[in-house]
C-alpha atoms as a PDB file:
ATOM      1  CA  UNK A   1      74.222 -37.576  86.220  1.00  0.00           C
ATOM      2  CA  UNK A   2      76.568 -39.168  83.912  1.00  0.00           C
ATOM      3  CA  UNK A   3      76.371 -38.794  79.931  1.00  0.00           C
ATOM      4  CA  UNK A   4      74.674 -42.243  79.182  1.00  0.00           C
ATOM      5  CA  UNK A   5      74.184 -44.216  75.955  1.00  0.00           C
ATOM      6  CA  UNK A   6      71.554 -46.262  74.676  1.00  0.00           C
ATOM      7  CA  UNK A   7      72.976 -49.063  72.220  1.00  0.00           C
ATOM      8  CA  UNK A   8      71.172 -49.826  69.097  1.00  0.00           C
ATOM      9  CA  UNK A   9      72.253 -52.877  67.502  1.00  0.00           C
ATOM     10  CA  UNK A  10      74.379 -52.104  64.093  1.00  0.00           C
ATOM     11  CA  UNK A  11      71.851 -52.662  61.149  1.00  0.00           C
ATOM     12  CA  UNK A  12      72.207 -53.684  57.564  1.00  0.00           C
ATOM     13  CA  UNK A  13      68.796 -53.227  56.158  1.00  0.00           C
ATOM     14  CA  UNK A  14      69.008 -55.115  52.824  1.00  0.00           C
ATOM     15  CA  UNK A  15      67.037 -55.364  49.921  1.00  0.00           C
ATOM     16  CA  UNK A  16      66.822 -58.122  47.282  1.00  0.00           C
ATOM     17  CA  UNK A  17      69.734 -57.234  45.076  1.00  0.00           C
ATOM     18  CA  UNK A  18      69.902 -58.865  41.437  1.00  0.00           C
ATOM     19  CA  UNK A  19      72.575 -58.518  38.912  1.00  0.00           C
ATOM     20  CA  UNK A  20      73.211 -54.977  37.899  1.00  0.00           C
ATOM     21  CA  UNK A  21      74.226 -54.309  34.527  1.00  0.00           C
ATOM     22  CA  UNK A  22      76.872 -51.880  35.497  1.00  0.00           C
ATOM     23  CA  UNK A  23      78.813 -54.468  37.490  1.00  0.00           C
ATOM     24  CA  UNK A  24      82.287 -55.341  36.100  1.00  0.00           C
ATOM     25  CA  UNK A  25      83.000 -58.709  34.319  1.00  0.00           C
ATOM     26  CA  UNK A  26      84.249 -61.304  36.833  1.00  0.00           C
ATOM     27  CA  UNK A  27      86.542 -62.229  33.942  1.00  0.00           C
ATOM     28  CA  UNK A  28      87.992 -58.617  34.146  1.00  0.00           C
ATOM     29  CA  UNK A  29      91.344 -58.741  36.371  1.00  0.00           C
ATOM     30  CA  UNK A  30      91.745 -55.022  36.715  1.00  0.00           C
ATOM     31  CA  UNK A  31      90.616 -53.281  39.820  1.00  0.00           C
ATOM     32  CA  UNK A  32      87.329 -53.208  40.897  1.00  0.00           C
ATOM     33  CA  UNK A  33      85.865 -49.590  41.057  1.00  0.00           C
ATOM     34  CA  UNK A  34      83.825 -48.414  43.914  1.00  0.00           C
ATOM     35  CA  UNK A  35      82.438 -44.858  44.091  1.00  0.00           C
ATOM     36  CA  UNK A  36      81.836 -42.824  47.557  1.00  0.00           C
ATOM     37  CA  UNK A  37      79.457 -39.951  47.841  1.00  0.00           C
ATOM     38  CA  UNK A  38      79.755 -38.227  50.880  1.00  0.00           C
ATOM     39  CA  UNK A  39      79.690 -34.824  52.499  1.00  0.00           C
ATOM     40  CA  UNK A  40      83.089 -33.476  52.805  1.00  0.00           C
ATOM     41  CA  UNK A  41      82.008 -29.994  52.766  1.00  0.00           C
ATOM     42  CA  UNK A  42      78.606 -28.029  54.191  1.00  0.00           C
ATOM     43  CA  UNK A  43      76.516 -28.677  57.121  1.00  0.00           C
ATOM     44  CA  UNK A  44      77.109 -32.438  57.447  1.00  0.00           C
ATOM     45  CA  UNK A  45      81.295 -32.432  56.657  1.00  0.00           C
ATOM     46  CA  UNK A  46      81.825 -33.835  59.825  1.00  0.00           C
ATOM     47  CA  UNK A  47      79.751 -36.802  59.402  1.00  0.00           C
ATOM     48  CA  UNK A  48      81.052 -37.093  55.810  1.00  0.00           C
ATOM     49  CA  UNK A  49      84.961 -36.828  56.581  1.00  0.00           C
ATOM     50  CA  UNK A  50      84.754 -39.318  59.086  1.00  0.00           C
ATOM     51  CA  UNK A  51      83.032 -42.034  57.058  1.00  0.00           C
ATOM     52  CA  UNK A  52      85.646 -41.383  54.360  1.00  0.00           C
ATOM     53  CA  UNK A  53      88.341 -42.012  56.553  1.00  0.00           C
ATOM     54  CA  UNK A  54      86.828 -45.312  57.547  1.00  0.00           C
ATOM     55  CA  UNK A  55      86.016 -46.304  54.022  1.00  0.00           C
ATOM     56  CA  UNK A  56      89.613 -45.386  52.915  1.00  0.00           C
ATOM     57  CA  UNK A  57      91.006 -47.752  55.683  1.00  0.00           C
ATOM     58  CA  UNK A  58      89.020 -50.355  54.821  1.00  0.00           C
ATOM     59  CA  UNK A  59      90.109 -50.642  51.337  1.00  0.00           C
ATOM     60  CA  UNK A  60      93.582 -50.326  52.350  1.00  0.00           C
ATOM     61  CA  UNK A  61      93.094 -53.349  54.599  1.00  0.00           C
ATOM     62  CA  UNK A  62      91.162 -55.463  52.029  1.00  0.00           C
ATOM     63  CA  UNK A  63      93.728 -54.522  49.294  1.00  0.00           C
ATOM     64  CA  UNK A  64      96.716 -55.890  51.816  1.00  0.00           C
ATOM     65  CA  UNK A  65      94.874 -58.851  52.312  1.00  0.00           C
ATOM     66  CA  UNK A  66      94.712 -59.557  48.690  1.00  0.00           C
ATOM     67  CA  UNK A  67      91.737 -57.663  47.539  1.00  0.00           C
ATOM     68  CA  UNK A  68      88.292 -59.445  46.351  1.00  0.00           C
ATOM     69  CA  UNK A  69      88.546 -62.525  44.276  1.00  0.00           C
ATOM     70  CA  UNK A  70      92.042 -61.779  43.664  1.00  0.00           C
ATOM     71  CA  UNK A  71      91.168 -58.046  42.513  1.00  0.00           C
ATOM     72  CA  UNK A  72      92.151 -54.638  44.368  1.00  0.00           C
ATOM     73  CA  UNK A  73      89.492 -52.277  45.190  1.00  0.00           C
ATOM     74  CA  UNK A  74      89.700 -48.781  43.945  1.00  0.00           C
ATOM     75  CA  UNK A  75      87.635 -45.906  45.486  1.00  0.00           C
ATOM     76  CA  UNK A  76      86.992 -42.496  44.325  1.00  0.00           C
ATOM     77  CA  UNK A  77      85.200 -40.383  46.479  1.00  0.00           C
ATOM     78  CA  UNK A  78      83.139 -37.069  45.293  1.00  0.00           C
ATOM     79  CA  UNK A  79      81.867 -34.458  47.731  1.00  0.00           C
ATOM     80  CA  UNK A  80      77.940 -33.983  47.808  1.00  0.00           C
ATOM     81  CA  UNK A  81      78.446 -30.576  49.765  1.00  0.00           C
ATOM     82  CA  UNK A  82      75.552 -31.649  51.874  1.00  0.00           C
ATOM     83  CA  UNK A  83      73.739 -30.773  48.885  1.00  0.00           C
ATOM     84  CA  UNK A  84      70.921 -33.062  47.392  1.00  0.00           C
ATOM     85  CA  UNK A  85      71.428 -32.232  43.987  1.00  0.00           C
ATOM     86  CA  UNK A  86      75.320 -32.490  43.936  1.00  0.00           C
ATOM     87  CA  UNK A  87      74.890 -36.176  45.265  1.00  0.00           C
ATOM     88  CA  UNK A  88      72.801 -36.823  41.749  1.00  0.00           C
ATOM     89  CA  UNK A  89      75.383 -35.396  40.014  1.00  0.00           C
ATOM     90  CA  UNK A  90      78.238 -37.520  41.898  1.00  0.00           C
ATOM     91  CA  UNK A  91      76.154 -40.610  41.201  1.00  0.00           C
ATOM     92  CA  UNK A  92      75.513 -39.719  37.733  1.00  0.00           C
ATOM     93  CA  UNK A  93      79.130 -39.337  37.152  1.00  0.00           C
ATOM     94  CA  UNK A  94      80.014 -42.801  38.878  1.00  0.00           C
ATOM     95  CA  UNK A  95      77.619 -44.460  36.752  1.00  0.00           C
ATOM     96  CA  UNK A  96      79.222 -43.135  33.502  1.00  0.00           C
ATOM     97  CA  UNK A  97      82.533 -44.182  34.912  1.00  0.00           C
ATOM     98  CA  UNK A  98      81.224 -47.867  34.963  1.00  0.00           C
ATOM     99  CA  UNK A  99      81.877 -48.282  39.066  1.00  0.00           C
ATOM    100  CA  UNK A 100      80.579 -51.738  40.594  1.00  0.00           C
ATOM    101  CA  UNK A 101      79.026 -50.039  43.540  1.00  0.00           C
ATOM    102  CA  UNK A 102      78.460 -46.984  45.347  1.00  0.00           C
ATOM    103  CA  UNK A 103      78.688 -45.995  49.038  1.00  0.00           C
ATOM    104  CA  UNK A 104      76.125 -43.461  49.351  1.00  0.00           C
ATOM    105  CA  UNK A 105      75.810 -39.925  51.369  1.00  0.00           C
ATOM    106  CA  UNK A 106      75.536 -39.652  54.892  1.00  0.00           C
ATOM    107  CA  UNK A 107      72.928 -36.729  54.095  1.00  0.00           C
ATOM    108  CA  UNK A 108      69.250 -38.193  54.197  1.00  0.00           C
ATOM    109  CA  UNK A 109      68.206 -35.624  51.716  1.00  0.00           C
ATOM    110  CA  UNK A 110      70.935 -36.426  49.322  1.00  0.00           C
ATOM    111  CA  UNK A 111      70.330 -40.042  49.519  1.00  0.00           C
ATOM    112  CA  UNK A 112      66.973 -39.770  49.074  1.00  0.00           C
ATOM    113  CA  UNK A 113      67.203 -37.469  45.988  1.00  0.00           C
ATOM    114  CA  UNK A 114      69.828 -39.996  44.536  1.00  0.00           C
ATOM    115  CA  UNK A 115      67.157 -43.146  44.711  1.00  0.00           C
ATOM    116  CA  UNK A 116      65.424 -42.661  41.217  1.00  0.00           C
ATOM    117  CA  UNK A 117      68.855 -42.536  39.535  1.00  0.00           C
ATOM    118  CA  UNK A 118      69.859 -45.584  41.657  1.00  0.00           C
ATOM    119  CA  UNK A 119      66.828 -47.298  40.511  1.00  0.00           C
ATOM    120  CA  UNK A 120      67.102 -46.653  36.769  1.00  0.00           C
ATOM    121  CA  UNK A 121      71.268 -47.587  36.799  1.00  0.00           C
ATOM    122  CA  UNK A 122      70.640 -50.754  38.864  1.00  0.00           C
ATOM    123  CA  UNK A 123      74.087 -50.098  40.678  1.00  0.00           C
ATOM    124  CA  UNK A 124      74.136 -51.450  44.323  1.00  0.00           C
ATOM    125  CA  UNK A 125      73.934 -48.424  46.253  1.00  0.00           C
ATOM    126  CA  UNK A 126      74.847 -48.699  49.948  1.00  0.00           C
ATOM    127  CA  UNK A 127      74.029 -45.807  51.811  1.00  0.00           C
ATOM    128  CA  UNK A 128      75.448 -44.314  54.883  1.00  0.00           C
ATOM    129  CA  UNK A 129      71.863 -42.714  56.016  1.00  0.00           C
ATOM    130  CA  UNK A 130      69.535 -43.865  58.068  1.00  0.00           C
ATOM    131  CA  UNK A 131      66.348 -42.542  56.459  1.00  0.00           C
ATOM    132  CA  UNK A 132      63.700 -45.314  56.433  1.00  0.00           C
ATOM    133  CA  UNK A 133      62.284 -44.090  53.071  1.00  0.00           C
ATOM    134  CA  UNK A 134      65.351 -45.833  51.664  1.00  0.00           C
ATOM    135  CA  UNK A 135      63.683 -49.079  52.322  1.00  0.00           C
ATOM    136  CA  UNK A 136      59.819 -48.410  52.500  1.00  0.00           C
ATOM    137  CA  UNK A 137      59.192 -48.943  49.867  1.00  0.00           C
ATOM    138  CA  UNK A 138      61.635 -51.744  48.851  1.00  0.00           C
ATOM    139  CA  UNK A 139      64.167 -50.339  46.206  1.00  0.00           C
ATOM    140  CA  UNK A 140      66.024 -53.380  44.814  1.00  0.00           C
ATOM    141  CA  UNK A 141      69.510 -52.208  44.401  1.00  0.00           C
ATOM    142  CA  UNK A 142      69.369 -50.141  47.936  1.00  0.00           C
ATOM    143  CA  UNK A 143      71.286 -51.245  50.983  1.00  0.00           C
ATOM    144  CA  UNK A 144      71.360 -49.304  54.312  1.00  0.00           C
ATOM    145  CA  UNK A 145      74.046 -49.361  56.778  1.00  0.00           C
ATOM    146  CA  UNK A 146      72.981 -47.522  59.963  1.00  0.00           C
ATOM    147  CA  UNK A 147      69.929 -48.341  62.049  1.00  0.00           C
ATOM    148  CA  UNK A 148      67.123 -46.501  60.416  1.00  0.00           C
ATOM    149  CA  UNK A 149      65.292 -43.325  62.209  1.00  0.00           C
ATOM    150  CA  UNK A 150      62.524 -45.506  63.252  1.00  0.00           C
ATOM    151  CA  UNK A 151      64.725 -48.269  64.730  1.00  0.00           C
ATOM    152  CA  UNK A 152      66.163 -45.212  66.997  1.00  0.00           C
ATOM    153  CA  UNK A 153      62.667 -43.949  67.750  1.00  0.00           C
ATOM    154  CA  UNK A 154      61.668 -47.334  69.153  1.00  0.00           C
ATOM    155  CA  UNK A 155      64.739 -47.770  71.289  1.00  0.00           C
ATOM    156  CA  UNK A 156      64.334 -44.376  72.806  1.00  0.00           C
ATOM    157  CA  UNK A 157      60.566 -44.997  73.693  1.00  0.00           C
ATOM    158  CA  UNK A 158      61.722 -48.561  75.046  1.00  0.00           C
ATOM    159  CA  UNK A 159      64.035 -46.672  77.287  1.00  0.00           C
ATOM    160  CA  UNK A 160      61.573 -44.086  78.463  1.00  0.00           C
ATOM    161  CA  UNK A 161      59.098 -47.156  79.368  1.00  0.00           C
ATOM    162  CA  UNK A 162      61.883 -48.363  81.419  1.00  0.00           C
ATOM    163  CA  UNK A 163      62.303 -45.203  83.178  1.00  0.00           C
ATOM    164  CA  UNK A 164      58.676 -44.755  83.737  1.00  0.00           C
ATOM    165  CA  UNK A 165      58.069 -41.765  81.437  1.00  0.00           C
ATOM    166  CA  UNK A 166      54.853 -41.387  80.351  1.00  0.00           C
ATOM    167  CA  UNK A 167      54.620 -37.912  78.918  1.00  0.00           C
ATOM    168  CA  UNK A 168      57.007 -37.018  76.428  1.00  0.00           C
ATOM    169  CA  UNK A 169      58.169 -33.727  74.588  1.00  0.00           C
ATOM    170  CA  UNK A 170      59.825 -34.137  71.236  1.00  0.00           C
ATOM    171  CA  UNK A 171      61.641 -31.181  69.221  1.00  0.00           C
ATOM    172  CA  UNK A 172      62.534 -31.979  65.410  1.00  0.00           C
ATOM    173  CA  UNK A 173      63.980 -30.285  62.528  1.00  0.00           C
ATOM    174  CA  UNK A 174      61.199 -30.175  59.943  1.00  0.00           C
ATOM    175  CA  UNK A 175      63.396 -29.419  57.108  1.00  0.00           C
ATOM    176  CA  UNK A 176      65.514 -32.629  57.161  1.00  0.00           C
ATOM    177  CA  UNK A 177      64.282 -36.197  56.313  1.00  0.00           C
ATOM    178  CA  UNK A 178      66.159 -38.222  59.316  1.00  0.00           C
ATOM    179  CA  UNK A 179      64.723 -36.101  61.851  1.00  0.00           C
ATOM    180  CA  UNK A 180      61.431 -36.058  60.198  1.00  0.00           C
ATOM    181  CA  UNK A 181      61.208 -39.829  59.978  1.00  0.00           C
ATOM    182  CA  UNK A 182      62.399 -39.936  63.241  1.00  0.00           C
ATOM    183  CA  UNK A 183      59.770 -37.888  64.884  1.00  0.00           C
ATOM    184  CA  UNK A 184      56.780 -39.568  62.948  1.00  0.00           C
ATOM    185  CA  UNK A 185      58.095 -43.235  64.118  1.00  0.00           C
ATOM    186  CA  UNK A 186      58.122 -41.762  67.281  1.00  0.00           C
ATOM    187  CA  UNK A 187      54.823 -40.240  67.136  1.00  0.00           C
ATOM    188  CA  UNK A 188      53.189 -43.360  65.718  1.00  0.00           C
ATOM    189  CA  UNK A 189      54.458 -46.082  68.176  1.00  0.00           C
ATOM    190  CA  UNK A 190      54.518 -43.809  71.528  1.00  0.00           C
ATOM    191  CA  UNK A 191      50.868 -45.479  72.397  1.00  0.00           C
ATOM    192  CA  UNK A 192      52.575 -48.651  71.796  1.00  0.00           C
ATOM    193  CA  UNK A 193      54.653 -48.275  75.104  1.00  0.00           C
ATOM    194  CA  UNK A 194      52.059 -46.229  77.119  1.00  0.00           C
ATOM    195  CA  UNK A 195      53.487 -42.856  76.321  1.00  0.00           C
ATOM    196  CA  UNK A 196      51.792 -39.987  75.239  1.00  0.00           C
ATOM    197  CA  UNK A 197      53.504 -37.113  73.111  1.00  0.00           C
ATOM    198  CA  UNK A 198      52.431 -33.974  74.785  1.00  0.00           C
ATOM    199  CA  UNK A 199      54.348 -31.374  72.965  1.00  0.00           C
ATOM    200  CA  UNK A 200      56.160 -30.867  69.712  1.00  0.00           C
ATOM    201  CA  UNK A 201      58.405 -28.512  68.817  1.00  0.00           C
ATOM    202  CA  UNK A 202      59.195 -27.636  65.346  1.00  0.00           C
ATOM    203  CA  UNK A 203      62.905 -26.398  64.674  1.00  0.00           C
ATOM    204  CA  UNK A 204      65.525 -26.167  62.144  1.00  0.00           C
ATOM    205  CA  UNK A 205      69.160 -27.295  61.845  1.00  0.00           C
ATOM    206  CA  UNK A 206      70.210 -23.703  60.816  1.00  0.00           C
ATOM    207  CA  UNK A 207      68.764 -21.853  63.900  1.00  0.00           C
ATOM    208  CA  UNK A 208      71.015 -20.560  66.406  1.00  0.00           C
ATOM    209  CA  UNK A 209      68.374 -19.853  69.206  1.00  0.00           C
ATOM    210  CA  UNK A 210      66.381 -22.440  70.736  1.00  0.00           C
ATOM    211  CA  UNK A 211      65.295 -20.847  73.773  1.00  0.00           C
ATOM    212  CA  UNK A 212      61.815 -20.794  72.857  1.00  0.00           C
ATOM    213  CA  UNK A 213      61.770 -24.675  72.674  1.00  0.00           C
ATOM    214  CA  UNK A 214      62.522 -24.740  76.250  1.00  0.00           C
ATOM    215  CA  UNK A 215      60.322 -22.211  77.403  1.00  0.00           C
ATOM    216  CA  UNK A 216      57.378 -24.078  75.877  1.00  0.00           C
ATOM    217  CA  UNK A 217      58.289 -27.433  77.103  1.00  0.00           C
ATOM    218  CA  UNK A 218      58.427 -26.022  80.848  1.00  0.00           C
ATOM    219  CA  UNK A 219      54.687 -25.139  80.492  1.00  0.00           C
ATOM    220  CA  UNK A 220      53.682 -28.852  79.766  1.00  0.00           C
ATOM    221  CA  UNK A 221      53.598 -31.391  82.059  1.00  0.00           C
ATOM    222  CA  UNK A 222      56.355 -33.626  79.704  1.00  0.00           C
ATOM    223  CA  UNK A 223      58.680 -35.804  81.863  1.00  0.00           C
ATOM    224  CA  UNK A 224      61.439 -35.937  79.012  1.00  0.00           C
ATOM    225  CA  UNK A 225      62.529 -34.394  75.888  1.00  0.00           C
ATOM    226  CA  UNK A 226      63.611 -36.365  72.890  1.00  0.00           C
ATOM    227  CA  UNK A 227      65.446 -34.152  70.097  1.00  0.00           C
ATOM    228  CA  UNK A 228      66.144 -35.065  66.627  1.00  0.00           C
ATOM    229  CA  UNK A 229      68.473 -32.684  64.825  1.00  0.00           C
ATOM    230  CA  UNK A 230      71.766 -33.105  62.778  1.00  0.00           C
ATOM    231  CA  UNK A 231      74.747 -31.317  62.416  1.00  0.00           C
ATOM    232  CA  UNK A 232      76.407 -28.026  64.467  1.00  0.00           C
ATOM    233  CA  UNK A 233      72.735 -27.203  65.544  1.00  0.00           C
ATOM    234  CA  UNK A 234      73.158 -30.210  68.147  1.00  0.00           C
ATOM    235  CA  UNK A 235      75.721 -28.275  69.900  1.00  0.00           C
ATOM    236  CA  UNK A 236      74.030 -25.037  70.500  1.00  0.00           C
ATOM    237  CA  UNK A 237      70.995 -26.627  71.320  1.00  0.00           C
ATOM    238  CA  UNK A 238      72.681 -28.730  73.971  1.00  0.00           C
ATOM    239  CA  UNK A 239      74.470 -25.794  75.547  1.00  0.00           C
ATOM    240  CA  UNK A 240      71.192 -23.604  75.393  1.00  0.00           C
ATOM    241  CA  UNK A 241      69.345 -26.784  77.259  1.00  0.00           C
ATOM    242  CA  UNK A 242      72.166 -26.648  80.024  1.00  0.00           C
ATOM    243  CA  UNK A 243      71.313 -23.121  80.864  1.00  0.00           C
ATOM    244  CA  UNK A 244      67.798 -22.988  80.389  1.00  0.00           C
ATOM    245  CA  UNK A 245      66.874 -24.381  83.557  1.00  0.00           C
ATOM    246  CA  UNK A 246      64.744 -27.092  82.184  1.00  0.00           C
ATOM    247  CA  UNK A 247      65.223 -30.030  84.704  1.00  0.00           C
ATOM    248  CA  UNK A 248      63.579 -33.176  82.849  1.00  0.00           C
ATOM    249  CA  UNK A 249      66.117 -35.278  81.136  1.00  0.00           C
ATOM    250  CA  UNK A 250      66.915 -34.559  77.260  1.00  0.00           C
ATOM    251  CA  UNK A 251      67.853 -37.405  74.981  1.00  0.00           C
ATOM    252  CA  UNK A 252      69.320 -37.418  71.561  1.00  0.00           C
ATOM    253  CA  UNK A 253      69.862 -40.083  68.518  1.00  0.00           C
ATOM    254  CA  UNK A 254      72.655 -41.425  66.442  1.00  0.00           C
ATOM    255  CA  UNK A 255      73.562 -37.849  65.083  1.00  0.00           C
ATOM    256  CA  UNK A 256      75.094 -37.150  68.390  1.00  0.00           C
ATOM    257  CA  UNK A 257      76.957 -40.103  68.880  1.00  0.00           C
ATOM    258  CA  UNK A 258      80.238 -38.859  68.562  1.00  0.00           C
ATOM    259  CA  UNK A 259      83.071 -36.560  70.052  1.00  0.00           C
ATOM    260  CA  UNK A 260      82.274 -34.452  67.334  1.00  0.00           C
ATOM    261  CA  UNK A 261      79.092 -33.401  69.393  1.00  0.00           C
ATOM    262  CA  UNK A 262      80.730 -34.464  72.862  1.00  0.00           C
ATOM    263  CA  UNK A 263      83.813 -32.177  72.708  1.00  0.00           C
ATOM    264  CA  UNK A 264      82.108 -29.015  71.886  1.00  0.00           C
ATOM    265  CA  UNK A 265      79.063 -29.343  74.009  1.00  0.00           C
ATOM    266  CA  UNK A 266      81.492 -30.018  76.637  1.00  0.00           C
ATOM    267  CA  UNK A 267      79.929 -30.015  80.166  1.00  0.00           C
ATOM    268  CA  UNK A 268      76.485 -28.808  78.903  1.00  0.00           C
ATOM    269  CA  UNK A 269      76.175 -32.442  77.668  1.00  0.00           C
ATOM    270  CA  UNK A 270      76.472 -33.966  81.398  1.00  0.00           C
ATOM    271  CA  UNK A 271      73.157 -36.174  82.067  1.00  0.00           C
ATOM    272  CA  UNK A 272      72.361 -36.353  78.136  1.00  0.00           C
ATOM    273  CA  UNK A 273      71.049 -39.454  76.889  1.00  0.00           C
ATOM    274  CA  UNK A 274      72.577 -40.640  73.573  1.00  0.00           C
ATOM    275  CA  UNK A 275      71.029 -43.359  71.474  1.00  0.00           C
ATOM    276  CA  UNK A 276      73.679 -44.885  69.250  1.00  0.00           C
ATOM    277  CA  UNK A 277      75.095 -47.869  67.255  1.00  0.00           C
ATOM    278  CA  UNK A 278      76.357 -50.738  69.566  1.00  0.00           C
ATOM    279  CA  UNK A 279      79.807 -49.917  68.226  1.00  0.00           C
ATOM    280  CA  UNK A 280      80.434 -46.775  70.153  1.00  0.00           C
ATOM    281  CA  UNK A 281      80.093 -49.177  73.503  1.00  0.00           C
ATOM    282  CA  UNK A 282      81.937 -52.280  72.198  1.00  0.00           C
ATOM    283  CA  UNK A 283      84.612 -52.153  74.733  1.00  0.00           C
ATOM    284  CA  UNK A 284      82.055 -52.543  77.396  1.00  0.00           C
ATOM    285  CA  UNK A 285      80.619 -55.796  75.910  1.00  0.00           C
ATOM    286  CA  UNK A 286      81.326 -59.244  76.869  1.00  0.00           C
ATOM    287  CA  UNK A 287      84.018 -61.346  74.833  1.00  0.00           C
ATOM    288  CA  UNK A 288      82.434 -62.850  72.144  1.00  0.00           C
ATOM    289  CA  UNK A 289      81.986 -62.493  68.037  1.00  0.00           C
ATOM    290  CA  UNK A 290      80.166 -59.070  68.362  1.00  0.00           C
ATOM    291  CA  UNK A 291      83.035 -57.638  70.318  1.00  0.00           C
ATOM    292  CA  UNK A 292      85.415 -58.954  68.240  1.00  0.00           C
ATOM    293  CA  UNK A 293      83.953 -57.429  65.217  1.00  0.00           C
ATOM    294  CA  UNK A 294      83.547 -53.951  66.380  1.00  0.00           C
ATOM    295  CA  UNK A 295      86.985 -54.358  67.629  1.00  0.00           C
ATOM    296  CA  UNK A 296      88.406 -55.341  63.850  1.00  0.00           C
ATOM    297  CA  UNK A 297      87.032 -51.793  63.132  1.00  0.00           C
ATOM    298  CA  UNK A 298      87.899 -49.717  66.165  1.00  0.00           C
ATOM    299  CA  UNK A 299      91.612 -50.896  66.952  1.00  0.00           C
ATOM    300  CA  UNK A 300      92.782 -49.901  63.501  1.00  0.00           C
ATOM    301  CA  UNK A 301      91.027 -46.722  63.241  1.00  0.00           C
ATOM    302  CA  UNK A 302      92.050 -45.815  66.571  1.00  0.00           C
ATOM    303  CA  UNK A 303      95.951 -46.451  65.695  1.00  0.00           C
ATOM    304  CA  UNK A 304      95.737 -44.486  62.454  1.00  0.00           C
ATOM    305  CA  UNK A 305      94.040 -41.556  63.475  1.00  0.00           C
ATOM    306  CA  UNK A 306      94.391 -41.358  67.512  1.00  0.00           C
ATOM    307  CA  UNK A 307      90.954 -41.396  68.322  1.00  0.00           C
ATOM    308  CA  UNK A 308      88.138 -44.055  68.483  1.00  0.00           C
ATOM    309  CA  UNK A 309      85.924 -44.179  65.297  1.00  0.00           C
ATOM    310  CA  UNK A 310      82.593 -42.203  65.690  1.00  0.00           C
ATOM    311  CA  UNK A 311      79.423 -43.923  64.365  1.00  0.00           C
ATOM    312  CA  UNK A 312      79.765 -42.070  61.226  1.00  0.00           C
ATOM    313  CA  UNK A 313      82.926 -43.589  60.630  1.00  0.00           C
ATOM    314  CA  UNK A 314      82.097 -46.915  61.637  1.00  0.00           C
ATOM    315  CA  UNK A 315      79.168 -46.902  59.031  1.00  0.00           C
ATOM    316  CA  UNK A 316      81.861 -45.916  56.238  1.00  0.00           C
END
């Protein structure tokens, strides 16, 4: 069974945004300063470095086309080291710098920790993290680019229903906001699709042995296993699943929608299901506006870096 991909529509979750006091005056003819907080080091560096590449490429393209309202964009990038407190420090530095807007971290923990500072500063914050809590409740200056964890949960449940799955096992990282939100949404909505969660496995992204997960799931009547985890642990888990003898299908979310997971996982990824942004399957879509918009991102990125952009790059 080949690797399969479930496409989740590319979502821009927008909240009502008023005029922030930090925005540069329209009369100013200098550059429009944009800050970017991302994970260039630490557990989520593979996500952050890809987002940076694409954001910098976008700035190059925009400036080449004349900028915004006749003004160039100037992007400054700061590393949150995959740590929430570093994200807050970076945001406060950008606030003092007087940037017009900030691209936020792909780390859900970093993004959530930064929201109180965003609320106080009233600076538009465009988040590259899929955590639901950024928009529930509404934060007036927060915008979310990727599909939310609850969107991924529902799309997977729709898929399972179409496949006749009624009993599901779920493993999720209890220490990280995105997997936790995804698990909660999946648990809450499963009944709407005629599905019962018959096994819940709590894991951590810092673990190196997931054999107990597969042993426990084997002892249940689960027909499929959904996994919510981020970072390198997903590669380890995938390889151990392939060697475990567990004969039910495994599914991952957008955190694994990348060659950064697929390449190191190798043959162990055969048969896995991955929910992703529609951008990753853009070349399979019929001709039209959606495909054209995706190609506008994918083509220049591929030409510059010699590989197609993973979802994290597309978000950036």
